[in-house]
């Protein structure tokens, strides 16, 4: 689901509604002039998408406004900083910043709706849907203009769709359109967006024909008014609509969304389009889309992390500049205190050194014992799992075969065939259990065995995609690590089949001089993170810990399942 364009309207509205303080003192007037200049330059750089520069300028203007105690402009600038953080995916940081901004405004401030909109967008992107709905409703209450109220209210519709509350989404969006407040050309883009979301809700609700009619009309209107960005959402919705009806048309719409979002540098939408193309395509060229997806996803994570780090550095540098004079005053006193502490520290360091030597010796002994315990636990859990499988899958079947032979005349041909089939089924299960737990070839056939493992779970309704398996220098990895990797991949496949209901699974292998990295992703039903160990993955964690590796799970209900595994070479 695309981010609402209404968000970008907030920035423009806030700029022109911000009241500039007038002062008569020459010194404060000069400071205010510089602060306002920096603030306006920051806004100009937002329009140019120079977010790093804009953040720096807004932050410097905030420090000057703090000198003037200009609370309105301080709050306004904090709102802009929060907006830039949201553009770059830092939603938690954005919430902290906008909460700080709210302290500078009065209860009935003209910025109150904007604050709630920013909080609503952040919570929506963080999947805190009920909180997002609350903030959008609060924002609508605070707007006096009936047309302005429709902006935050219409943003609730897509959230209901995300929650699969399609009837609520339909009722809300129908009521907004029924007010007939969006009939002039200025509101054409908003009306098309609401019609498209309404059509998508009808489609998801099972009313395909009505949904398609609304989505198709919305796309035509968006193309007519040259709402290029908005058309991406229409093409993605239509691609979803056609995915179960006409794969070729679904691909056409997904490619249009991909091409437009590439041109507009809308990375999230490109990823969504690629997901549809990957799900639709079962030909060899799917690998091209998968590779694009991984490359683009890795790139956006790096870019957004870089932005977060840069923003933190800008804040740090600005604070450092502000505190520079105070630091110089304290340096002399600190130097004198340092001389007095030096003798004392020498004694303390000697004591600490002796203590650390003793502590390290204790820790080495502790971790040796702990690793033995982990290895024992992993071995015990494996034996328990095998015993359970034998009991659950074989014991009852064997008992039934014994009863069958006692009650049926074996001289009859059909009875013999039936008995042979039952025995063959039992034999097949025994081979399956044996294959899961037999000796693993860690030599030249290691990668071939992993491919065979993946092919076992690759079906007509489930795609298992893996990359870079052959690029790892497996000859540099010891046998224990190879066996562990094979076992944890088995655990992931079994967990995926039993619990995730995924139709797309991607496993990416990478390595450096010291470690092997395995990134597992599926698009299944996910689960609450605190229930992961209950889904059969506790044994896998024990195996990884036994070889001093690490594993990090990322999952939420209806958000798929990810596992990031690091195994030292």
Protein backbone atom coordinates (compact mmCIF):
# COMPACT_ATOMS: atom_id res chain seq x y z
CA UNK A 1 0.00 0.00 0.00
CA UNK A 2 1.41 3.37 -1.02
CA UNK A 3 2.13 6.12 1.47
CA UNK A 4 -0.52 8.82 1.30
CA UNK A 5 0.40 11.91 -0.79
CA UNK A 6 -1.54 13.94 1.81
CA UNK A 7 1.59 13.72 3.98
CA UNK A 8 3.60 15.88 1.60
CA UNK A 9 0.82 18.48 1.61
CA UNK A 10 1.43 18.95 5.36
CA UNK A 11 4.93 20.31 4.76
CA UNK A 12 3.71 22.90 2.24
CA UNK A 13 0.75 23.92 4.40
CA UNK A 14 2.90 24.26 7.52
CA UNK A 15 5.46 26.48 5.81
CA UNK A 16 3.02 29.14 4.73
CA UNK A 17 1.01 29.04 7.96
CA UNK A 18 4.04 29.49 10.22
CA UNK A 19 4.02 32.85 11.95
CA UNK A 20 7.35 34.68 12.06
CA UNK A 21 8.16 36.54 15.25
CA UNK A 22 8.94 40.23 14.94
CA UNK A 23 11.53 41.74 17.23
CA UNK A 24 12.98 45.21 17.68
CA UNK A 25 16.27 44.35 19.42
CA UNK A 26 19.06 44.56 16.75
CA UNK A 27 20.97 41.54 18.11
CA UNK A 28 17.96 39.25 18.31
CA UNK A 29 16.75 40.56 14.94
CA UNK A 30 20.03 39.45 13.31
CA UNK A 31 19.79 36.02 14.95
CA UNK A 32 16.18 35.67 13.87
CA UNK A 33 17.03 36.67 10.30
CA UNK A 34 19.68 33.93 10.11
CA UNK A 35 17.33 31.39 11.74
CA UNK A 36 14.52 32.14 9.27
CA UNK A 37 16.96 31.99 6.35
CA UNK A 38 18.17 28.55 7.42
CA UNK A 39 14.59 27.39 7.97
CA UNK A 40 13.52 28.49 4.46
CA UNK A 41 16.63 26.97 2.86
CA UNK A 42 15.76 23.71 4.60
CA UNK A 43 12.31 23.75 3.03
CA UNK A 44 13.76 24.50 -0.42
CA UNK A 45 16.07 21.50 -0.09
CA UNK A 46 13.12 19.28 0.89
CA UNK A 47 11.50 20.20 -2.45
CA UNK A 48 14.77 19.28 -4.19
CA UNK A 49 14.91 16.01 -2.19
CA UNK A 50 18.23 17.04 -0.64
CA UNK A 51 17.12 15.61 2.68
CA UNK A 52 20.54 15.43 4.31
CA UNK A 53 21.22 19.14 3.63
CA UNK A 54 17.67 20.08 4.67
CA UNK A 55 18.02 18.22 7.96
CA UNK A 56 21.31 20.03 8.70
CA UNK A 57 19.80 23.47 7.95
CA UNK A 58 16.63 22.84 9.97
CA UNK A 59 18.66 21.61 12.92
CA UNK A 60 20.88 24.72 12.90
CA UNK A 61 17.82 26.97 12.66
CA UNK A 62 16.28 25.13 15.64
CA UNK A 63 19.32 25.95 17.79
CA UNK A 64 19.01 29.66 16.87
CA UNK A 65 15.26 29.67 17.58
CA UNK A 66 16.03 28.10 20.98
CA UNK A 67 18.32 31.08 21.68
CA UNK A 68 15.37 33.36 20.86
CA UNK A 69 12.95 31.13 22.83
CA UNK A 70 10.69 31.17 19.75
CA UNK A 71 8.57 28.13 20.65
CA UNK A 72 6.35 28.26 17.52
CA UNK A 73 9.29 28.10 15.13
CA UNK A 74 11.08 25.48 17.25
CA UNK A 75 7.99 23.25 17.05
CA UNK A 76 7.59 23.94 13.32
CA UNK A 77 11.21 23.02 12.56
CA UNK A 78 10.89 19.81 14.63
CA UNK A 79 7.87 18.89 12.49
CA UNK A 80 10.02 19.24 9.36
CA UNK A 81 12.78 17.12 10.91
CA UNK A 82 10.19 14.43 11.68
CA UNK A 83 8.97 14.60 8.08
CA UNK A 84 12.49 14.02 6.72
CA UNK A 85 12.98 11.08 9.08
CA UNK A 86 9.75 9.50 7.76
CA UNK A 87 10.80 9.95 4.13
CA UNK A 88 13.90 7.91 4.95
CA UNK A 89 12.13 5.19 6.91
CA UNK A 90 13.11 6.24 10.46
CA UNK A 91 9.60 6.00 11.91
CA UNK A 92 10.61 5.51 15.54
CA UNK A 93 12.93 8.51 15.35
CA UNK A 94 10.15 10.50 13.68
CA UNK A 95 7.75 9.75 16.55
CA UNK A 96 10.31 10.93 19.10
CA UNK A 97 10.90 14.15 17.16
CA UNK A 98 7.21 14.98 16.65
CA UNK A 99 6.51 14.25 20.33
CA UNK A 100 9.22 16.77 21.19
CA UNK A 101 7.58 19.24 18.76
CA UNK A 102 4.16 18.93 20.43
CA UNK A 103 5.58 20.36 23.68
CA UNK A 104 6.15 23.72 21.93
CA UNK A 105 2.56 24.17 20.74
CA UNK A 106 -0.58 25.12 22.62
CA UNK A 107 -3.42 22.62 22.84
CA UNK A 108 -5.48 24.24 20.05
CA UNK A 109 -2.50 25.10 17.84
CA UNK A 110 -2.92 25.17 14.06
CA UNK A 111 -0.22 22.49 13.98
CA UNK A 112 -2.18 19.98 16.11
CA UNK A 113 -3.69 18.21 13.04
CA UNK A 114 -0.24 18.00 11.43
CA UNK A 115 1.24 16.40 14.56
CA UNK A 116 -1.45 13.71 14.60
CA UNK A 117 -1.03 13.07 10.86
CA UNK A 118 2.72 12.49 11.28
CA UNK A 119 2.09 10.15 14.24
CA UNK A 120 -0.61 8.34 12.24
CA UNK A 121 1.70 7.77 9.27
CA UNK A 122 4.52 6.53 11.52
CA UNK A 123 2.25 4.02 13.31
CA UNK A 124 0.76 2.82 10.01
CA UNK A 125 4.23 2.10 8.61
CA UNK A 126 5.14 0.35 11.88
CA UNK A 127 1.93 -1.78 11.57
CA UNK A 128 0.47 -0.23 14.74
CA UNK A 129 -2.84 0.07 12.93
CA UNK A 130 -5.18 0.86 15.84
CA UNK A 131 -2.88 3.66 17.01
CA UNK A 132 -2.68 5.03 13.46
CA UNK A 133 -6.49 5.08 13.17
CA UNK A 134 -6.72 6.95 16.49
CA UNK A 135 -4.31 9.68 15.35
CA UNK A 136 -6.02 10.08 11.96
CA UNK A 137 -9.38 10.51 13.69
CA UNK A 138 -7.90 13.03 16.11
CA UNK A 139 -6.45 14.97 13.19
CA UNK A 140 -9.83 15.04 11.42
CA UNK A 141 -11.51 16.39 14.58
CA UNK A 142 -9.05 19.29 14.77
CA UNK A 143 -9.55 20.48 11.19
CA UNK A 144 -12.29 23.08 10.79
CA UNK A 145 -12.50 22.86 7.01
CA UNK A 146 -14.75 19.90 5.98
CA UNK A 147 -12.59 19.18 2.93
CA UNK A 148 -9.41 19.12 5.04
CA UNK A 149 -11.07 16.57 7.35
CA UNK A 150 -11.37 14.13 4.45
CA UNK A 151 -7.56 13.79 4.14
CA UNK A 152 -6.86 11.97 7.42
CA UNK A 153 -10.20 10.13 7.31
CA UNK A 154 -9.46 8.73 3.85
CA UNK A 155 -6.12 7.45 5.15
CA UNK A 156 -8.02 5.13 7.51
CA UNK A 157 -9.49 3.21 4.54
CA UNK A 158 -6.19 1.58 3.48
CA UNK A 159 -5.52 0.62 7.10
CA UNK A 160 -8.85 -1.22 7.29
CA UNK A 161 -7.86 -3.02 4.07
CA UNK A 162 -4.54 -4.02 5.66
CA UNK A 163 -6.51 -5.37 8.64
CA UNK A 164 -8.84 -7.24 6.22
CA UNK A 165 -11.79 -5.24 7.56
CA UNK A 166 -13.04 -4.72 4.02
CA UNK A 167 -16.63 -3.91 5.01
CA UNK A 168 -15.41 -1.09 7.26
CA UNK A 169 -13.16 0.26 4.53
CA UNK A 170 -16.02 0.22 2.03
CA UNK A 171 -18.43 1.97 4.43
CA UNK A 172 -15.88 4.69 5.29
CA UNK A 173 -14.73 5.43 1.72
CA UNK A 174 -18.31 5.35 0.36
CA UNK A 175 -19.36 7.88 3.01
CA UNK A 176 -16.47 10.20 2.07
CA UNK A 177 -17.35 10.10 -1.63
CA UNK A 178 -21.03 10.50 -0.76
CA UNK A 179 -20.39 13.93 0.77
CA UNK A 180 -19.73 15.32 -2.76
CA UNK A 181 -16.96 17.60 -1.48
CA UNK A 182 -14.31 16.41 -3.95
CA UNK A 183 -15.96 17.33 -7.24
CA UNK A 184 -13.77 20.17 -8.44
CA UNK A 185 -10.50 19.84 -10.32
CA UNK A 186 -8.36 20.76 -7.28
CA UNK A 187 -9.53 17.61 -5.46
CA UNK A 188 -9.37 15.31 -8.51
CA UNK A 189 -6.24 13.55 -7.32
CA UNK A 190 -7.68 12.89 -3.83
CA UNK A 191 -10.95 11.64 -5.29
CA UNK A 192 -9.15 9.24 -7.64
CA UNK A 193 -7.08 7.91 -4.72
CA UNK A 194 -10.21 7.27 -2.63
CA UNK A 195 -12.01 5.61 -5.58
CA UNK A 196 -9.01 3.36 -6.20
CA UNK A 197 -8.83 2.28 -2.54
CA UNK A 198 -12.60 1.74 -2.49
CA UNK A 199 -12.38 -0.43 -5.60
CA UNK A 200 -9.53 -2.41 -4.08
CA UNK A 201 -11.60 -2.95 -0.91
CA UNK A 202 -14.56 -4.20 -2.98
CA UNK A 203 -12.25 -6.57 -4.87
CA UNK A 204 -10.80 -7.96 -1.62
CA UNK A 205 -14.35 -8.28 -0.28
CA UNK A 206 -15.22 -10.56 -3.21
CA UNK A 207 -17.16 -8.03 -5.33
CA UNK A 208 -14.71 -8.25 -8.25
CA UNK A 209 -16.74 -6.56 -10.96
CA UNK A 210 -17.62 -3.48 -8.91
CA UNK A 211 -14.08 -3.28 -7.56
CA UNK A 212 -12.53 -3.48 -11.02
CA UNK A 213 -14.84 -0.78 -12.38
CA UNK A 214 -13.80 1.67 -9.62
CA UNK A 215 -10.07 0.86 -9.88
CA UNK A 216 -10.12 1.15 -13.68
CA UNK A 217 -11.93 4.52 -13.58
CA UNK A 218 -9.53 5.80 -10.92
CA UNK A 219 -6.54 4.87 -13.11
CA UNK A 220 -8.06 6.61 -16.13
CA UNK A 221 -8.63 9.75 -14.04
CA UNK A 222 -5.08 9.67 -12.66
CA UNK A 223 -3.64 9.37 -16.15
CA UNK A 224 -5.94 12.16 -17.38
CA UNK A 225 -4.77 14.62 -14.68
CA UNK A 226 -1.15 13.35 -15.00
CA UNK A 227 -1.05 12.05 -11.41
CA UNK A 228 1.95 9.85 -12.25
CA UNK A 229 2.83 9.00 -8.65
CA UNK A 230 -0.77 8.07 -7.84
CA UNK A 231 -0.97 5.80 -10.90
CA UNK A 232 1.62 3.47 -9.31
CA UNK A 233 -0.93 2.49 -6.65
CA UNK A 234 -3.58 1.85 -9.33
CA UNK A 235 -1.29 -0.41 -11.35
CA UNK A 236 -0.28 -2.38 -8.24
CA UNK A 237 -3.93 -2.88 -7.25
CA UNK A 238 -4.84 -4.01 -10.80
CA UNK A 239 -1.83 -6.34 -10.87
CA UNK A 240 -3.15 -7.95 -7.67
CA UNK A 241 -6.66 -8.12 -9.20
CA UNK A 242 -5.42 -9.93 -12.35
CA UNK A 243 -2.96 -12.23 -10.55
CA UNK A 244 -5.57 -15.01 -10.20
CA UNK A 245 -7.44 -14.17 -13.43
CA UNK A 246 -4.98 -13.24 -16.18
CA UNK A 247 -1.27 -13.53 -15.31
CA UNK A 248 -0.20 -11.69 -18.47
CA UNK A 249 -2.31 -8.64 -17.57
CA UNK A 250 -1.11 -8.86 -13.98
CA UNK A 251 2.50 -8.78 -15.23
CA UNK A 252 1.74 -5.83 -17.53
CA UNK A 253 0.33 -3.76 -14.67
CA UNK A 254 3.13 -4.76 -12.29
CA UNK A 255 5.75 -3.78 -14.91
CA UNK A 256 4.07 -0.40 -15.43
CA UNK A 257 4.16 0.18 -11.66
CA UNK A 258 7.81 -0.92 -11.58
CA UNK A 259 8.86 1.36 -14.45
CA UNK A 260 7.07 4.45 -13.06
CA UNK A 261 8.35 3.90 -9.51
CA UNK A 262 11.88 3.45 -10.93
CA UNK A 263 11.56 6.77 -12.79
CA UNK A 264 10.25 8.52 -9.64
CA UNK A 265 12.76 6.71 -7.36
CA UNK A 266 9.93 5.22 -5.27
CA UNK A 267 11.81 2.23 -3.88
CA UNK A 268 9.07 0.65 -1.72
CA UNK A 269 6.71 0.53 -4.70
CA UNK A 270 9.40 -1.04 -6.89
CA UNK A 271 9.82 -3.79 -4.31
CA UNK A 272 6.05 -4.38 -4.22
CA UNK A 273 5.92 -4.62 -8.03
CA UNK A 274 8.81 -7.10 -8.07
CA UNK A 275 7.04 -9.25 -5.44
CA UNK A 276 4.02 -9.53 -7.75
CA UNK A 277 6.20 -10.37 -10.77
CA UNK A 278 8.03 -13.05 -8.78
CA UNK A 279 4.75 -14.58 -7.53
CA UNK A 280 3.26 -14.59 -11.06
CA UNK A 281 6.27 -15.94 -12.95
CA UNK A 282 7.21 -19.63 -12.91
CA UNK A 283 9.70 -19.48 -15.81
CA UNK A 284 13.51 -19.41 -15.63
CA UNK A 285 13.54 -15.59 -16.01
CA UNK A 286 12.09 -15.33 -12.47
CA UNK A 287 15.68 -15.37 -11.21
CA UNK A 288 16.17 -11.95 -12.83
CA UNK A 289 13.32 -10.47 -10.77
CA UNK A 290 14.51 -12.22 -7.61
CA UNK A 291 18.02 -10.83 -8.03
CA UNK A 292 16.62 -7.33 -8.63
CA UNK A 293 14.50 -7.69 -5.48
CA UNK A 294 17.45 -8.69 -3.30
CA UNK A 295 19.73 -6.00 -4.76
CA UNK A 296 17.12 -3.26 -4.36
CA UNK A 297 16.10 -4.37 -0.86
CA UNK A 298 19.73 -4.49 0.34
CA UNK A 299 20.36 -1.08 -1.24
CA UNK A 300 17.41 0.67 0.44
CA UNK A 301 18.34 -0.81 3.84
CA UNK A 302 21.87 0.57 3.47
CA UNK A 303 20.64 3.98 2.27
CA UNK A 304 18.15 4.35 5.12
CA UNK A 305 20.68 3.25 7.70
CA UNK A 306 23.14 5.78 6.28
CA UNK A 307 20.51 8.50 6.58
CA UNK A 308 19.81 7.59 10.21
CA UNK A 309 23.53 7.67 11.00
CA UNK A 310 23.96 11.00 9.21
CA UNK A 311 21.00 12.52 11.03
CA UNK A 312 22.42 11.40 14.36
CA UNK A 313 25.80 12.88 13.44
CA UNK A 314 24.22 16.19 12.37
CA UNK A 315 22.44 16.44 15.73
CA UNK A 316 25.63 15.53 17.52
CA UNK A 317 27.75 18.06 15.61
CA UNK A 318 25.22 20.84 16.20
CA UNK A 319 25.11 20.13 19.91
CA UNK A 320 28.90 19.95 19.97
CA UNK A 321 29.13 23.39 18.36
CA UNK A 322 26.64 24.84 20.87
CA UNK A 323 28.56 23.43 23.84
CA UNK A 324 32.05 24.33 22.59
CA UNK A 325 32.52 27.40 24.77
CA UNK A 326 31.39 25.59 27.88
CA UNK A 327 33.76 22.77 27.07
CA UNK A 328 36.74 25.15 26.86
CA UNK A 329 35.92 26.57 30.29
CA UNK A 330 35.82 23.13 31.81
CA UNK A 331 39.02 21.82 30.21
CA UNK A 332 41.38 23.61 32.66
CA UNK A 333 39.58 22.24 35.70
CA UNK A 334 39.45 18.77 34.14
CA UNK A 335 43.22 18.76 33.48
CA UNK A 336 43.94 19.59 37.12
CA UNK A 337 41.57 16.88 38.28
CA UNK A 338 43.18 14.43 35.87
CA UNK A 339 46.59 14.89 37.50
CA UNK A 340 45.13 14.09 40.90
CA UNK A 341 43.38 11.03 39.55
CA UNK A 342 46.41 9.64 37.74
CA UNK A 343 48.10 8.15 40.81
CA UNK A 344 44.86 6.73 42.08
CA UNK A 345 44.06 5.23 38.67
CA UNK A 346 47.39 3.40 38.49
CA UNK A 347 46.54 1.52 41.68
CA UNK A 348 42.97 0.87 40.52
CA UNK A 349 44.18 -0.39 37.12
CA UNK A 350 46.53 -2.86 38.76
CA UNK A 351 43.68 -4.22 40.89
CA UNK A 352 41.39 -4.37 37.83
CA UNK A 353 44.06 -6.20 35.83
CA UNK A 354 44.43 -8.89 38.51
CA UNK A 355 40.66 -9.16 38.80
CA UNK A 356 40.26 -9.49 34.98
CA UNK A 357 42.86 -12.27 34.79
CA UNK A 358 40.92 -14.24 37.41
CA UNK A 359 37.58 -13.43 35.72
CA UNK A 360 38.81 -14.51 32.28
CA UNK A 361 40.00 -17.82 33.67
CA UNK A 362 36.58 -18.38 35.28
CA UNK A 363 34.73 -17.40 32.09
CA UNK A 364 36.83 -19.70 29.90
CA UNK A 365 35.96 -22.62 32.18
CA UNK A 366 32.29 -21.58 32.31
CA UNK A 367 31.88 -21.32 28.52
CA UNK A 368 33.61 -24.63 27.93
CA UNK A 369 31.10 -26.29 30.26
CA UNK A 370 28.23 -24.31 28.72
CA UNK A 371 29.13 -25.38 25.17
CA UNK A 372 29.23 -29.00 26.28
CA UNK A 373 25.76 -28.56 27.82
CA UNK A 374 24.43 -26.98 24.60
CA UNK A 375 25.87 -29.82 22.49
CA UNK A 376 24.31 -32.37 24.84
CA UNK A 377 20.96 -30.54 24.71
CA UNK A 378 20.99 -30.43 20.89
CA UNK A 379 21.81 -34.14 20.74
CA UNK A 380 19.11 -34.98 23.30
CA UNK A 381 16.46 -32.92 21.46
CA UNK A 382 17.36 -34.62 18.17
CA UNK A 383 16.99 -38.05 19.77
CA UNK A 384 13.67 -37.02 21.33
CA UNK A 385 12.40 -35.75 17.97
CA UNK A 386 13.39 -39.01 16.24
CA UNK A 387 11.70 -41.04 18.98
CA UNK A 388 8.52 -38.98 18.66
CA UNK A 389 8.50 -39.44 14.89
CA UNK A 390 8.93 -43.19 15.23
CA UNK A 391 6.10 -43.31 17.77
CA UNK A 392 3.73 -40.95 15.93
CA UNK A 393 4.40 -42.01 12.35
CA UNK A 394 5.40 -45.66 12.54
CA UNK A 395 4.21 -47.42 15.72
CA UNK A 396 0.50 -47.04 15.04
CA UNK A 397 0.92 -48.04 11.37
CA UNK A 398 2.88 -51.17 12.30
CA UNK A 399 0.22 -52.12 14.87
CA UNK A 400 -2.48 -51.64 12.21
CA UNK A 401 -0.59 -53.89 9.77
CA UNK A 402 -0.31 -56.61 12.45
CA UNK A 403 -4.04 -56.36 13.10
CA UNK A 404 -4.69 -56.47 9.36
CA UNK A 405 -2.68 -59.70 8.89
CA UNK A 406 -4.46 -61.32 11.82
CA UNK A 407 -7.94 -60.50 10.53
CA UNK A 408 -7.56 -60.92 6.73
CA UNK A 409 -6.83 -64.07 4.71
CA UNK A 410 -3.46 -63.50 3.02
CA UNK A 411 -4.22 -66.06 0.31
CA UNK A 412 -6.47 -63.52 -1.48
CA UNK A 413 -4.56 -61.49 -4.08
CA UNK A 414 -6.17 -58.12 -3.21
CA UNK A 415 -5.33 -58.64 0.47
CA UNK A 416 -1.70 -59.34 -0.42
CA UNK A 417 -1.50 -56.18 -2.54
CA UNK A 418 -3.08 -54.14 0.24
CA UNK A 419 -0.59 -55.52 2.77
CA UNK A 420 2.35 -54.84 0.44
CA UNK A 421 1.18 -51.24 -0.07
CA UNK A 422 0.95 -50.67 3.68
CA UNK A 423 4.42 -52.12 4.19
CA UNK A 424 5.79 -49.99 1.35
CA UNK A 425 4.33 -46.84 2.97
CA UNK A 426 5.98 -47.75 6.30
CA UNK A 427 9.28 -48.41 4.49
CA UNK A 428 9.05 -44.99 2.80
CA UNK A 429 8.55 -43.25 6.16
CA UNK A 430 11.48 -45.14 7.68
CA UNK A 431 13.69 -43.99 4.78
CA UNK A 432 12.46 -40.40 5.27
CA UNK A 433 13.37 -40.42 8.98
CA UNK A 434 16.69 -42.08 8.17
CA UNK A 435 17.46 -39.51 5.45
CA UNK A 436 16.78 -36.63 7.85
CA UNK A 437 19.17 -38.02 10.46
CA UNK A 438 21.71 -40.08 8.54
CA UNK A 439 25.35 -39.22 8.05
CA UNK A 440 25.86 -36.03 6.04
CA UNK A 441 28.36 -36.00 3.17
CA UNK A 442 30.63 -33.03 3.91
CA UNK A 443 32.83 -33.62 0.88
CA UNK A 444 32.32 -32.86 -2.81
CA UNK A 445 28.60 -33.71 -2.68
CA UNK A 446 27.78 -31.27 0.14
CA UNK A 447 26.16 -28.60 -2.05
CA UNK A 448 24.37 -31.21 -4.18
CA UNK A 449 22.76 -32.66 -1.03
CA UNK A 450 21.55 -29.18 0.02
CA UNK A 451 20.03 -28.67 -3.45
CA UNK A 452 18.26 -32.04 -3.11
CA UNK A 453 16.93 -30.93 0.29
CA UNK A 454 15.46 -27.75 -1.24
CA UNK A 455 14.02 -29.65 -4.21
CA UNK A 456 12.16 -31.95 -1.79
CA UNK A 457 10.15 -28.98 -0.52
CA UNK A 458 9.82 -27.26 -3.93
CA UNK A 459 6.31 -27.96 -5.23
CA UNK A 460 3.89 -26.62 -7.85
CA UNK A 461 2.45 -24.27 -5.22
CA UNK A 462 5.66 -23.39 -3.38
CA UNK A 463 8.84 -21.90 -4.86
CA UNK A 464 12.17 -22.41 -3.08
CA UNK A 465 14.76 -19.93 -4.41
CA UNK A 466 18.40 -19.96 -3.28
CA UNK A 467 21.39 -17.90 -4.39
CA UNK A 468 25.20 -17.95 -4.02
CA UNK A 469 25.31 -21.52 -2.64
CA UNK A 470 28.06 -22.52 -5.07
CA UNK A 471 30.03 -19.30 -4.47
CA UNK A 472 30.92 -20.22 -0.88
CA UNK A 473 34.37 -21.80 -0.42
CA UNK A 474 33.00 -24.80 1.43
CA UNK A 475 36.41 -26.49 1.48
CA UNK A 476 37.46 -23.81 4.01
CA UNK A 477 34.61 -24.80 6.40
CA UNK A 478 35.14 -27.64 8.86
CA UNK A 479 32.88 -30.70 8.80
CA UNK A 480 31.09 -29.91 12.09
CA UNK A 481 29.98 -26.53 10.71
CA UNK A 482 28.79 -28.13 7.44
CA UNK A 483 26.75 -30.71 9.34
CA UNK A 484 25.24 -27.93 11.48
CA UNK A 485 24.32 -25.87 8.37
CA UNK A 486 22.68 -28.89 6.74
CA UNK A 487 20.65 -29.64 9.89
CA UNK A 488 19.46 -26.07 10.44
CA UNK A 489 18.36 -25.83 6.80
CA UNK A 490 16.34 -29.02 7.37
CA UNK A 491 14.78 -27.43 10.48
CA UNK A 492 13.87 -24.28 8.50
CA UNK A 493 12.25 -26.31 5.71
CA UNK A 494 10.25 -28.44 8.16
CA UNK A 495 9.12 -25.34 10.09
CA UNK A 496 8.14 -23.61 6.84
CA UNK A 497 6.08 -26.59 5.67
CA UNK A 498 4.34 -27.13 9.03
CA UNK A 499 3.68 -23.55 10.11
CA UNK A 500 4.29 -20.77 7.58
CA UNK A 501 2.00 -21.74 4.63
CA UNK A 502 4.44 -19.84 2.40
CA UNK A 503 4.37 -19.98 -1.40
CA UNK A 504 7.67 -18.15 -1.87
CA UNK A 505 10.88 -18.93 0.04
CA UNK A 506 14.25 -17.26 -0.58
CA UNK A 507 17.58 -18.37 0.91
CA UNK A 508 20.66 -16.22 0.28
CA UNK A 509 24.16 -17.48 1.10
CA UNK A 510 27.07 -15.05 1.66
CA UNK A 511 30.48 -15.20 3.28
CA UNK A 512 33.52 -13.20 4.29
CA UNK A 513 36.91 -14.22 5.67
CA UNK A 514 35.49 -15.19 9.05
CA UNK A 515 31.82 -16.19 8.71
CA UNK A 516 29.06 -17.65 6.58
CA UNK A 517 25.79 -15.69 6.42
CA UNK A 518 22.45 -17.36 5.64
CA UNK A 519 19.47 -15.04 5.10
CA UNK A 520 16.17 -16.92 5.03
CA UNK A 521 12.91 -15.17 4.01
CA UNK A 522 9.40 -16.48 3.31
CA UNK A 523 6.05 -14.79 2.68
CA UNK A 524 4.08 -17.03 5.01
CA UNK A 525 1.67 -16.24 7.83
CA UNK A 526 4.42 -15.37 10.33
CA UNK A 527 3.83 -15.46 14.08
CA UNK A 528 4.39 -13.55 17.30
CA UNK A 529 8.15 -13.40 17.95
CA UNK A 530 7.80 -14.78 21.48
CA UNK A 531 6.23 -18.00 20.11
CA UNK A 532 9.07 -18.86 17.71
CA UNK A 533 10.64 -21.51 19.94
CA UNK A 534 7.28 -23.22 20.22
CA UNK A 535 7.22 -23.72 16.44
CA UNK A 536 10.04 -26.25 16.43
CA UNK A 537 13.03 -23.92 16.04
CA UNK A 538 14.46 -24.33 19.56
CA UNK A 539 16.54 -27.30 18.39
CA UNK A 540 17.95 -25.18 15.53
CA UNK A 541 18.98 -22.45 18.01
CA UNK A 542 20.76 -25.01 20.15
CA UNK A 543 22.71 -26.29 17.14
CA UNK A 544 23.78 -22.76 16.16
CA UNK A 545 24.85 -21.92 19.71
CA UNK A 546 26.87 -25.14 19.86
CA UNK A 547 29.13 -23.88 17.01
CA UNK A 548 29.25 -20.35 18.51
CA UNK A 549 26.98 -18.92 15.81
CA UNK A 550 24.09 -16.49 16.11
CA UNK A 551 20.53 -16.38 14.80
CA UNK A 552 18.08 -13.47 14.66
CA UNK A 553 14.40 -13.98 13.86
CA UNK A 554 12.15 -11.28 12.38
CA UNK A 555 8.44 -12.07 12.21
CA UNK A 556 4.97 -10.76 12.91
CA UNK A 557 1.54 -12.23 12.22
CA UNK A 558 0.77 -11.96 8.47
CA UNK A 559 4.21 -10.38 7.83
CA UNK A 560 6.19 -13.45 6.78
CA UNK A 561 9.21 -14.97 8.52
CA UNK A 562 12.92 -14.06 8.34
CA UNK A 563 15.96 -15.66 9.91
CA UNK A 564 19.48 -14.20 9.76
CA UNK A 565 22.08 -16.83 10.65
CA UNK A 566 25.81 -16.28 11.12
CA UNK A 567 28.12 -19.32 11.39
CA UNK A 568 31.86 -18.72 12.03
CA UNK A 569 34.15 -20.60 9.66
